[in-house]
Amino acid sequence: MLTTPLLLILIVLIVFLAASLKVLREYERAVVFQLGRFWRVKGPGLIILIPIVQQMVRVDLRTIVLDVPTQDVISRDNVSVKVNAVVYFRVVDPQKAVIQVENVMAATNQFAQTTLRSVLGKHELDEMLAERDKLNKDIQDILDAQTDAWGIKVSNVEIKHVDIPDTMIRAIARQAEAERERRAKVIHAEGELQASQTLVNAAKTLEEAPMAIQLRYLQTLTEIAAEKNSTTIFPFPIELIKPFMDLGKRTGER
C-alpha cells in the first residue's frame, strides 16, 4: 500500500504530465513561448511542454469565412448604396498571427470594412454592378498586401449584395429602356442602309446588262398572270424613250 508521501508524489507527477502533454489536430499549430519569449511553432500531433516555464497558443490553419457587415458607400457619381461582402482567409504564419496582431479575426474584419468603402467609393454605380469581378480582385489585393505582415493569406473576396435605392432602380429601368430603343433604331437604320446598298448594286448590274431588265419584265408578267388578275400591265421599256430624253436635255442646255 502506498504511503502518503508517495501518493502525493504520484499525484504531482500525474498533474505534471497532464499539463505537459498536448495533442494538436492536423489543422492546428502551437506557438510556444518560453519564459515569455517566443521559442518555436510545434505540431501537429503530441507535443510536450514544461509547465510554468512554457506556454502555448493554439492557432487554427483552416480557411475562415468572414462576413463583412453591410457598409454605406457613396459612389463616385454620388449614389448612396449599401454593400456587404465575404472574405476568405487563413493563417499561413502562426508566429506572426499571434505576435504581430492581438486579434486576427477582429483586425481583418475592421480592415475589410474600411477597404470595401474605400475601393467602391472610387467607382461609379454602373461599375459596381457590371465589373464586380474586378472590384473583388482589387479589394483582395489590398487586403492581402496589408495582412501579409500578420501572417494572413486572403484567398478570395466576394461582394454579396449591392442594395440600390428605389429611385435609382426606376432611373436604371428608364435608362435600360432608352438604351433598348436606341439599339432598335440603330439596327433599323443599318438594315435600311444595307437594303439601299443592295438596290444600288442591283441597278448597276442591270445598267451593265440591258438584257437583264427585259428578263425582269418577263418575270414580272409571269407573276401577274399567275395571280389571275383581270388587268395586265405591260411595262414600257425605258430604252425606247431614252433618245427623246437625251434630246430634251440637250435642248434645255442650249
C-alpha atoms as a PDB file:
ATOM      1  CA  MET A   1       0.000   0.000   0.000  1.00  0.00           C
ATOM      2  CA  LEU A   2       1.321   3.466  -0.986  1.00  0.00           C
ATOM      3  CA  THR A   3       2.274   5.799   1.792  1.00  0.00           C
ATOM      4  CA  THR A   4       1.036   9.376   1.903  1.00  0.00           C
ATOM      5  CA  PRO A   5       4.299  10.953   0.596  1.00  0.00           C
ATOM      6  CA  LEU A   6       4.430   8.508  -2.327  1.00  0.00           C
ATOM      7  CA  LEU A   7       0.785   9.153  -3.093  1.00  0.00           C
ATOM      8  CA  LEU A   8       1.389  12.896  -3.151  1.00  0.00           C
ATOM      9  CA  ILE A   9       4.380  12.454  -5.427  1.00  0.00           C
ATOM     10  CA  LEU A  10       2.308  10.286  -7.767  1.00  0.00           C
ATOM     11  CA  ILE A  11      -0.465  12.880  -7.899  1.00  0.00           C
ATOM     12  CA  VAL A  12       2.069  15.616  -8.649  1.00  0.00           C
ATOM     13  CA  LEU A  13       3.556  13.524 -11.459  1.00  0.00           C
ATOM     14  CA  ILE A  14       0.118  12.907 -12.978  1.00  0.00           C
ATOM     15  CA  VAL A  15      -0.744  16.604 -12.866  1.00  0.00           C
ATOM     16  CA  PHE A  16       2.674  17.456 -14.295  1.00  0.00           C
ATOM     17  CA  LEU A  17       2.207  15.034 -17.204  1.00  0.00           C
ATOM     18  CA  ALA A  18      -1.340  16.268 -17.844  1.00  0.00           C
ATOM     19  CA  ALA A  19      -0.051  19.838 -18.035  1.00  0.00           C
ATOM     20  CA  SER A  20       2.927  18.844 -20.154  1.00  0.00           C
ATOM     21  CA  LEU A  21       1.271  16.703 -22.809  1.00  0.00           C
ATOM     22  CA  LYS A  22      -0.802  18.410 -25.524  1.00  0.00           C
ATOM     23  CA  VAL A  23      -2.382  16.915 -28.633  1.00  0.00           C
ATOM     24  CA  LEU A  24      -2.804  19.103 -31.707  1.00  0.00           C
ATOM     25  CA  ARG A  25      -5.022  18.218 -34.668  1.00  0.00           C
ATOM     26  CA  GLU A  26      -3.744  18.234 -38.229  1.00  0.00           C
ATOM     27  CA  TYR A  27      -5.045  21.755 -38.855  1.00  0.00           C
ATOM     28  CA  GLU A  28      -3.672  23.186 -35.575  1.00  0.00           C
ATOM     29  CA  ARG A  29      -0.303  24.592 -34.595  1.00  0.00           C
ATOM     30  CA  ALA A  30       1.067  25.660 -31.201  1.00  0.00           C
ATOM     31  CA  VAL A  31       3.030  28.876 -30.850  1.00  0.00           C
ATOM     32  CA  VAL A  32       5.211  28.105 -27.816  1.00  0.00           C
ATOM     33  CA  PHE A  33       6.611  30.793 -25.509  1.00  0.00           C
ATOM     34  CA  GLN A  34       9.399  30.025 -23.066  1.00  0.00           C
ATOM     35  CA  LEU A  35       9.566  32.380 -20.103  1.00  0.00           C
ATOM     36  CA  GLY A  36       7.612  34.917 -22.139  1.00  0.00           C
ATOM     37  CA  ARG A  37       9.830  34.784 -25.209  1.00  0.00           C
ATOM     38  CA  PHE A  38       8.913  33.108 -28.491  1.00  0.00           C
ATOM     39  CA  TRP A  39      10.512  29.677 -28.733  1.00  0.00           C
ATOM     40  CA  ARG A  40       9.107  27.764 -31.701  1.00  0.00           C
ATOM     41  CA  VAL A  41       5.990  26.610 -33.564  1.00  0.00           C
ATOM     42  CA  LYS A  42       5.103  22.993 -32.841  1.00  0.00           C
ATOM     43  CA  GLY A  43       2.565  20.462 -34.065  1.00  0.00           C
ATOM     44  CA  PRO A  44       0.548  18.694 -35.196  1.00  0.00           C
ATOM     45  CA  GLY A  45       0.388  15.597 -33.022  1.00  0.00           C
ATOM     46  CA  LEU A  46       1.661  15.092 -29.453  1.00  0.00           C
ATOM     47  CA  ILE A  47       3.850  17.825 -28.001  1.00  0.00           C
ATOM     48  CA  ILE A  48       5.463  18.165 -24.578  1.00  0.00           C
ATOM     49  CA  LEU A  49       5.633  21.423 -22.652  1.00  0.00           C
ATOM     50  CA  ILE A  50       7.420  22.290 -19.441  1.00  0.00           C
ATOM     51  CA  PRO A  51       4.744  23.580 -17.062  1.00  0.00           C
ATOM     52  CA  ILE A  52       5.160  27.147 -15.824  1.00  0.00           C
ATOM     53  CA  VAL A  53       8.254  27.619 -17.983  1.00  0.00           C
ATOM     54  CA  GLN A  54       6.492  27.134 -21.329  1.00  0.00           C
ATOM     55  CA  GLN A  55       3.064  28.250 -22.532  1.00  0.00           C
ATOM     56  CA  MET A  56       1.397  27.783 -25.880  1.00  0.00           C
ATOM     57  CA  VAL A  57      -1.232  29.488 -28.042  1.00  0.00           C
ATOM     58  CA  ARG A  58      -3.314  27.342 -30.386  1.00  0.00           C
ATOM     59  CA  VAL A  59      -3.676  28.608 -33.949  1.00  0.00           C
ATOM     60  CA  ASP A  60      -6.227  27.242 -36.446  1.00  0.00           C
ATOM     61  CA  LEU A  61      -4.878  26.979 -40.009  1.00  0.00           C
ATOM     62  CA  ARG A  62      -8.215  26.291 -41.712  1.00  0.00           C
ATOM     63  CA  THR A  63      -9.812  28.806 -44.078  1.00  0.00           C
ATOM     64  CA  ILE A  64     -12.002  31.255 -42.189  1.00  0.00           C
ATOM     65  CA  VAL A  65     -15.142  32.755 -43.772  1.00  0.00           C
ATOM     66  CA  LEU A  66     -15.563  36.343 -42.605  1.00  0.00           C
ATOM     67  CA  ASP A  67     -18.911  38.025 -43.268  1.00  0.00           C
ATOM     68  CA  VAL A  68     -18.246  41.739 -43.636  1.00  0.00           C
ATOM     69  CA  PRO A  69     -21.189  43.767 -42.249  1.00  0.00           C
ATOM     70  CA  THR A  70     -23.215  45.962 -44.592  1.00  0.00           C
ATOM     71  CA  GLN A  71     -21.422  49.228 -45.347  1.00  0.00           C
ATOM     72  CA  ASP A  72     -22.878  52.558 -46.512  1.00  0.00           C
ATOM     73  CA  VAL A  73     -20.926  53.545 -49.611  1.00  0.00           C
ATOM     74  CA  ILE A  74     -21.185  56.720 -51.689  1.00  0.00           C
ATOM     75  CA  SER A  75     -20.099  56.032 -55.257  1.00  0.00           C
ATOM     76  CA  ARG A  76     -18.067  58.439 -57.377  1.00  0.00           C
ATOM     77  CA  ASP A  77     -21.277  59.616 -59.088  1.00  0.00           C
ATOM     78  CA  ASN A  78     -22.806  60.427 -55.653  1.00  0.00           C
ATOM     79  CA  VAL A  79     -25.164  57.459 -55.319  1.00  0.00           C
ATOM     80  CA  SER A  80     -25.629  56.057 -51.822  1.00  0.00           C
ATOM     81  CA  VAL A  81     -25.692  52.248 -51.750  1.00  0.00           C
ATOM     82  CA  LYS A  82     -25.410  49.530 -49.127  1.00  0.00           C
ATOM     83  CA  VAL A  83     -22.809  46.851 -49.809  1.00  0.00           C
ATOM     84  CA  ASN A  84     -21.729  43.733 -47.936  1.00  0.00           C
ATOM     85  CA  ALA A  85     -19.090  41.148 -48.760  1.00  0.00           C
ATOM     86  CA  VAL A  86     -17.471  37.871 -47.736  1.00  0.00           C
ATOM     87  CA  VAL A  87     -13.732  37.449 -47.155  1.00  0.00           C
ATOM     88  CA  TYR A  88     -11.982  34.067 -47.213  1.00  0.00           C
ATOM     89  CA  PHE A  89      -8.626  33.963 -45.439  1.00  0.00           C
ATOM     90  CA  ARG A  90      -6.378  31.629 -43.453  1.00  0.00           C
ATOM     91  CA  VAL A  91      -3.310  31.772 -41.244  1.00  0.00           C
ATOM     92  CA  VAL A  92      -0.098  30.838 -43.061  1.00  0.00           C
ATOM     93  CA  ASP A  93       2.382  32.039 -40.415  1.00  0.00           C
ATOM     94  CA  PRO A  94       1.210  31.180 -36.861  1.00  0.00           C
ATOM     95  CA  GLN A  95       4.087  33.103 -35.276  1.00  0.00           C
ATOM     96  CA  LYS A  96       3.104  36.413 -36.926  1.00  0.00           C
ATOM     97  CA  ALA A  97      -0.610  35.773 -36.352  1.00  0.00           C
ATOM     98  CA  VAL A  98      -0.001  35.579 -32.588  1.00  0.00           C
ATOM     99  CA  ILE A  99       2.802  38.113 -32.113  1.00  0.00           C
ATOM    100  CA  GLN A 100       2.080  40.835 -34.677  1.00  0.00           C
ATOM    101  CA  VAL A 101      -1.656  41.345 -34.040  1.00  0.00           C
ATOM    102  CA  GLU A 102      -3.781  40.970 -30.932  1.00  0.00           C
ATOM    103  CA  ASN A 103      -6.913  39.533 -32.577  1.00  0.00           C
ATOM    104  CA  VAL A 104      -6.580  38.293 -36.147  1.00  0.00           C
ATOM    105  CA  MET A 105     -10.327  37.989 -36.757  1.00  0.00           C
ATOM    106  CA  ALA A 106     -11.213  41.447 -35.444  1.00  0.00           C
ATOM    107  CA  ALA A 107      -8.294  43.144 -37.199  1.00  0.00           C
ATOM    108  CA  THR A 108      -9.100  41.544 -40.563  1.00  0.00           C
ATOM    109  CA  ASN A 109     -12.788  42.382 -40.165  1.00  0.00           C
ATOM    110  CA  GLN A 110     -12.147  46.053 -39.453  1.00  0.00           C
ATOM    111  CA  PHE A 111      -9.644  46.418 -42.269  1.00  0.00           C
ATOM    112  CA  ALA A 112     -12.020  44.660 -44.702  1.00  0.00           C
ATOM    113  CA  GLN A 113     -14.768  47.173 -43.859  1.00  0.00           C
ATOM    114  CA  THR A 114     -12.590  50.214 -44.465  1.00  0.00           C
ATOM    115  CA  THR A 115     -11.123  48.731 -47.660  1.00  0.00           C
ATOM    116  CA  LEU A 116     -14.603  47.933 -49.003  1.00  0.00           C
ATOM    117  CA  ARG A 117     -15.742  51.534 -48.536  1.00  0.00           C
ATOM    118  CA  SER A 118     -12.502  52.972 -49.906  1.00  0.00           C
ATOM    119  CA  VAL A 119     -12.369  50.869 -53.092  1.00  0.00           C
ATOM    120  CA  LEU A 120     -16.053  51.085 -54.012  1.00  0.00           C
ATOM    121  CA  GLY A 121     -16.131  54.827 -53.339  1.00  0.00           C
ATOM    122  CA  LYS A 122     -13.702  55.325 -56.249  1.00  0.00           C
ATOM    123  CA  HIS A 123     -16.083  53.766 -58.775  1.00  0.00           C
ATOM    124  CA  GLU A 124     -19.422  54.714 -60.276  1.00  0.00           C
ATOM    125  CA  LEU A 125     -22.602  52.743 -59.703  1.00  0.00           C
ATOM    126  CA  ASP A 126     -22.534  51.170 -63.176  1.00  0.00           C
ATOM    127  CA  GLU A 127     -19.037  49.821 -62.483  1.00  0.00           C
ATOM    128  CA  MET A 128     -20.170  48.324 -59.151  1.00  0.00           C
ATOM    129  CA  LEU A 129     -22.906  46.418 -60.964  1.00  0.00           C
ATOM    130  CA  ALA A 130     -21.052  45.423 -64.136  1.00  0.00           C
ATOM    131  CA  GLU A 131     -17.430  44.969 -63.007  1.00  0.00           C
ATOM    132  CA  ARG A 132     -17.875  43.072 -59.761  1.00  0.00           C
ATOM    133  CA  ASP A 133     -15.103  40.578 -60.504  1.00  0.00           C
ATOM    134  CA  LYS A 134     -12.585  43.388 -60.997  1.00  0.00           C
ATOM    135  CA  LEU A 135     -13.657  45.069 -57.757  1.00  0.00           C
ATOM    136  CA  ASN A 136     -13.363  41.761 -55.890  1.00  0.00           C
ATOM    137  CA  LYS A 137      -9.807  41.385 -57.158  1.00  0.00           C
ATOM    138  CA  ASP A 138      -8.870  44.959 -56.199  1.00  0.00           C
ATOM    139  CA  ILE A 139     -10.190  44.504 -52.647  1.00  0.00           C
ATOM    140  CA  GLN A 140      -8.433  41.134 -52.317  1.00  0.00           C
ATOM    141  CA  ASP A 141      -5.078  42.564 -53.425  1.00  0.00           C
ATOM    142  CA  ILE A 142      -5.266  45.406 -50.902  1.00  0.00           C
ATOM    143  CA  LEU A 143      -6.300  43.118 -48.034  1.00  0.00           C
ATOM    144  CA  ASP A 144      -3.682  40.521 -48.910  1.00  0.00           C
ATOM    145  CA  ALA A 145      -0.893  43.114 -49.006  1.00  0.00           C
ATOM    146  CA  GLN A 146      -1.870  44.547 -45.625  1.00  0.00           C
ATOM    147  CA  THR A 147      -2.491  41.272 -43.789  1.00  0.00           C
ATOM    148  CA  ASP A 148       0.727  39.666 -45.042  1.00  0.00           C
ATOM    149  CA  ALA A 149       2.522  41.246 -42.070  1.00  0.00           C
ATOM    150  CA  TRP A 150       0.050  39.447 -39.799  1.00  0.00           C
ATOM    151  CA  GLY A 151       0.753  36.026 -41.313  1.00  0.00           C
ATOM    152  CA  ILE A 152      -2.620  36.038 -43.106  1.00  0.00           C
ATOM    153  CA  LYS A 153      -3.368  34.981 -46.688  1.00  0.00           C
ATOM    154  CA  VAL A 154      -6.585  36.380 -48.203  1.00  0.00           C
ATOM    155  CA  SER A 155      -7.622  33.831 -50.825  1.00  0.00           C
ATOM    156  CA  ASN A 156     -10.836  35.407 -52.083  1.00  0.00           C
ATOM    157  CA  VAL A 157     -13.238  38.321 -51.656  1.00  0.00           C
ATOM    158  CA  GLU A 158     -16.823  38.284 -52.919  1.00  0.00           C
ATOM    159  CA  ILE A 159     -19.221  41.238 -52.944  1.00  0.00           C
ATOM    160  CA  LYS A 160     -22.560  39.699 -51.967  1.00  0.00           C
ATOM    161  CA  HIS A 161     -25.179  42.429 -52.362  1.00  0.00           C
ATOM    162  CA  VAL A 162     -25.340  45.971 -53.708  1.00  0.00           C
ATOM    163  CA  ASP A 163     -28.603  47.449 -52.437  1.00  0.00           C
ATOM    164  CA  ILE A 164     -29.749  50.402 -54.553  1.00  0.00           C
ATOM    165  CA  PRO A 165     -32.400  52.972 -53.523  1.00  0.00           C
ATOM    166  CA  ASP A 166     -35.822  52.608 -55.167  1.00  0.00           C
ATOM    167  CA  THR A 167     -35.447  55.915 -57.000  1.00  0.00           C
ATOM    168  CA  MET A 168     -32.242  54.685 -58.613  1.00  0.00           C
ATOM    169  CA  ILE A 169     -33.868  51.394 -59.599  1.00  0.00           C
ATOM    170  CA  ARG A 170     -36.554  53.289 -61.513  1.00  0.00           C
ATOM    171  CA  ALA A 171     -33.931  55.522 -63.126  1.00  0.00           C
ATOM    172  CA  ILE A 172     -31.890  52.487 -64.200  1.00  0.00           C
ATOM    173  CA  ALA A 173     -35.021  50.881 -65.672  1.00  0.00           C
ATOM    174  CA  ARG A 174     -35.729  54.016 -67.726  1.00  0.00           C
ATOM    175  CA  GLN A 175     -32.112  54.127 -68.848  1.00  0.00           C
ATOM    176  CA  ALA A 176     -32.234  50.465 -69.930  1.00  0.00           C
ATOM    177  CA  GLU A 177     -35.460  51.088 -71.871  1.00  0.00           C
ATOM    178  CA  ALA A 178     -33.950  54.090 -73.640  1.00  0.00           C
ATOM    179  CA  GLU A 179     -30.864  52.019 -74.495  1.00  0.00           C
ATOM    180  CA  ARG A 180     -33.041  49.277 -75.994  1.00  0.00           C
ATOM    181  CA  GLU A 181     -34.908  51.835 -78.116  1.00  0.00           C
ATOM    182  CA  ARG A 182     -31.624  53.321 -79.294  1.00  0.00           C
ATOM    183  CA  ARG A 183     -30.332  49.906 -80.328  1.00  0.00           C
ATOM    184  CA  ALA A 184     -33.584  49.143 -82.180  1.00  0.00           C
ATOM    185  CA  LYS A 185     -33.303  52.400 -84.141  1.00  0.00           C
ATOM    186  CA  VAL A 186     -29.655  51.734 -84.960  1.00  0.00           C
ATOM    187  CA  ILE A 187     -30.447  48.214 -86.178  1.00  0.00           C
ATOM    188  CA  HIS A 188     -33.338  49.545 -88.294  1.00  0.00           C
ATOM    189  CA  ALA A 189     -31.107  52.232 -89.810  1.00  0.00           C
ATOM    190  CA  GLU A 190     -28.391  49.688 -90.573  1.00  0.00           C
ATOM    191  CA  GLY A 191     -30.988  47.499 -92.276  1.00  0.00           C
ATOM    192  CA  GLU A 192     -32.164  50.409 -94.423  1.00  0.00           C
ATOM    193  CA  LEU A 193     -28.562  51.192 -95.351  1.00  0.00           C
ATOM    194  CA  GLN A 194     -27.843  47.604 -96.385  1.00  0.00           C
ATOM    195  CA  ALA A 195     -31.073  47.452 -98.395  1.00  0.00           C
ATOM    196  CA  SER A 196     -30.255  50.697-100.228  1.00  0.00           C
ATOM    197  CA  GLN A 197     -26.734  49.456-100.989  1.00  0.00           C
ATOM    198  CA  THR A 198     -28.189  46.224-102.383  1.00  0.00           C
ATOM    199  CA  LEU A 199     -30.592  48.202-104.598  1.00  0.00           C
ATOM    200  CA  VAL A 200     -27.734  50.349-105.858  1.00  0.00           C
ATOM    201  CA  ASN A 201     -25.701  47.246-106.717  1.00  0.00           C
ATOM    202  CA  ALA A 202     -28.710  45.712-108.478  1.00  0.00           C
ATOM    203  CA  ALA A 203     -29.241  48.917-110.505  1.00  0.00           C
ATOM    204  CA  LYS A 204     -25.602  48.937-111.563  1.00  0.00           C
ATOM    205  CA  THR A 205     -25.851  45.297-112.638  1.00  0.00           C
ATOM    206  CA  LEU A 206     -28.964  45.968-114.731  1.00  0.00           C
ATOM    207  CA  GLU A 207     -27.308  49.015-116.272  1.00  0.00           C
ATOM    208  CA  GLU A 208     -24.310  46.945-117.353  1.00  0.00           C
ATOM    209  CA  ALA A 209     -26.543  44.201-118.826  1.00  0.00           C
ATOM    210  CA  PRO A 210     -29.548  45.766-120.654  1.00  0.00           C
ATOM    211  CA  MET A 211     -30.983  42.344-121.485  1.00  0.00           C
ATOM    212  CA  ALA A 212     -31.332  41.599-117.787  1.00  0.00           C
ATOM    213  CA  ILE A 213     -34.073  44.232-117.450  1.00  0.00           C
ATOM    214  CA  GLN A 214     -36.018  42.558-120.244  1.00  0.00           C
ATOM    215  CA  LEU A 215     -35.833  39.241-118.424  1.00  0.00           C
ATOM    216  CA  ARG A 216     -37.065  41.006-115.308  1.00  0.00           C
ATOM    217  CA  TYR A 217     -40.021  42.393-117.308  1.00  0.00           C
ATOM    218  CA  LEU A 218     -40.926  38.896-118.460  1.00  0.00           C
ATOM    219  CA  GLN A 219     -40.672  37.502-114.939  1.00  0.00           C
ATOM    220  CA  THR A 220     -42.967  40.240-113.650  1.00  0.00           C
ATOM    221  CA  LEU A 221     -45.554  39.487-116.352  1.00  0.00           C
ATOM    222  CA  THR A 222     -45.427  35.786-115.450  1.00  0.00           C
ATOM    223  CA  GLU A 223     -46.088  36.560-111.795  1.00  0.00           C
ATOM    224  CA  ILE A 224     -49.006  38.836-112.649  1.00  0.00           C
ATOM    225  CA  ALA A 225     -50.561  36.242-114.974  1.00  0.00           C
ATOM    226  CA  ALA A 226     -50.269  33.519-112.337  1.00  0.00           C
ATOM    227  CA  GLU A 227     -52.472  35.536-109.952  1.00  0.00           C
ATOM    228  CA  LYS A 228     -55.397  35.523-112.466  1.00  0.00           C
ATOM    229  CA  ASN A 229     -55.832  39.276-112.451  1.00  0.00           C
ATOM    230  CA  SER A 230     -58.330  40.863-114.810  1.00  0.00           C
ATOM    231  CA  THR A 231     -55.879  43.669-115.587  1.00  0.00           C
ATOM    232  CA  THR A 232     -52.469  43.128-117.090  1.00  0.00           C
ATOM    233  CA  ILE A 233     -49.817  45.846-117.025  1.00  0.00           C
ATOM    234  CA  PHE A 234     -47.181  45.900-119.728  1.00  0.00           C
ATOM    235  CA  PRO A 235     -44.069  47.809-118.643  1.00  0.00           C
ATOM    236  CA  PHE A 236     -42.799  50.308-121.208  1.00  0.00           C
ATOM    237  CA  PRO A 237     -39.096  49.826-121.920  1.00  0.00           C
ATOM    238  CA  ILE A 238     -37.177  52.916-120.939  1.00  0.00           C
ATOM    239  CA  GLU A 239     -34.782  52.338-123.850  1.00  0.00           C
ATOM    240  CA  LEU A 240     -37.471  53.427-126.311  1.00  0.00           C
ATOM    241  CA  ILE A 241     -37.851  56.893-124.848  1.00  0.00           C
ATOM    242  CA  LYS A 242     -34.256  57.394-123.747  1.00  0.00           C
ATOM    243  CA  PRO A 243     -33.231  59.080-127.098  1.00  0.00           C
ATOM    244  CA  PHE A 244     -36.063  61.601-126.678  1.00  0.00           C
ATOM    245  CA  MET A 245     -34.988  62.249-123.070  1.00  0.00           C
ATOM    246  CA  ASP A 246     -31.406  62.890-124.194  1.00  0.00           C
ATOM    247  CA  LEU A 247     -32.670  65.225-126.912  1.00  0.00           C
ATOM    248  CA  GLY A 248     -34.677  67.163-124.345  1.00  0.00           C
ATOM    249  CA  LYS A 249     -31.639  67.576-122.109  1.00  0.00           C
ATOM    250  CA  ARG A 250     -29.519  68.921-124.986  1.00  0.00           C
ATOM    251  CA  THR A 251     -32.244  71.353-125.963  1.00  0.00           C
ATOM    252  CA  GLY A 252     -32.519  72.606-122.361  1.00  0.00           C
ATOM    253  CA  GLU A 253     -28.772  73.126-122.117  1.00  0.00           C
ATOM    254  CA  ARG A 254     -28.878  75.397-125.180  1.00  0.00           C
END
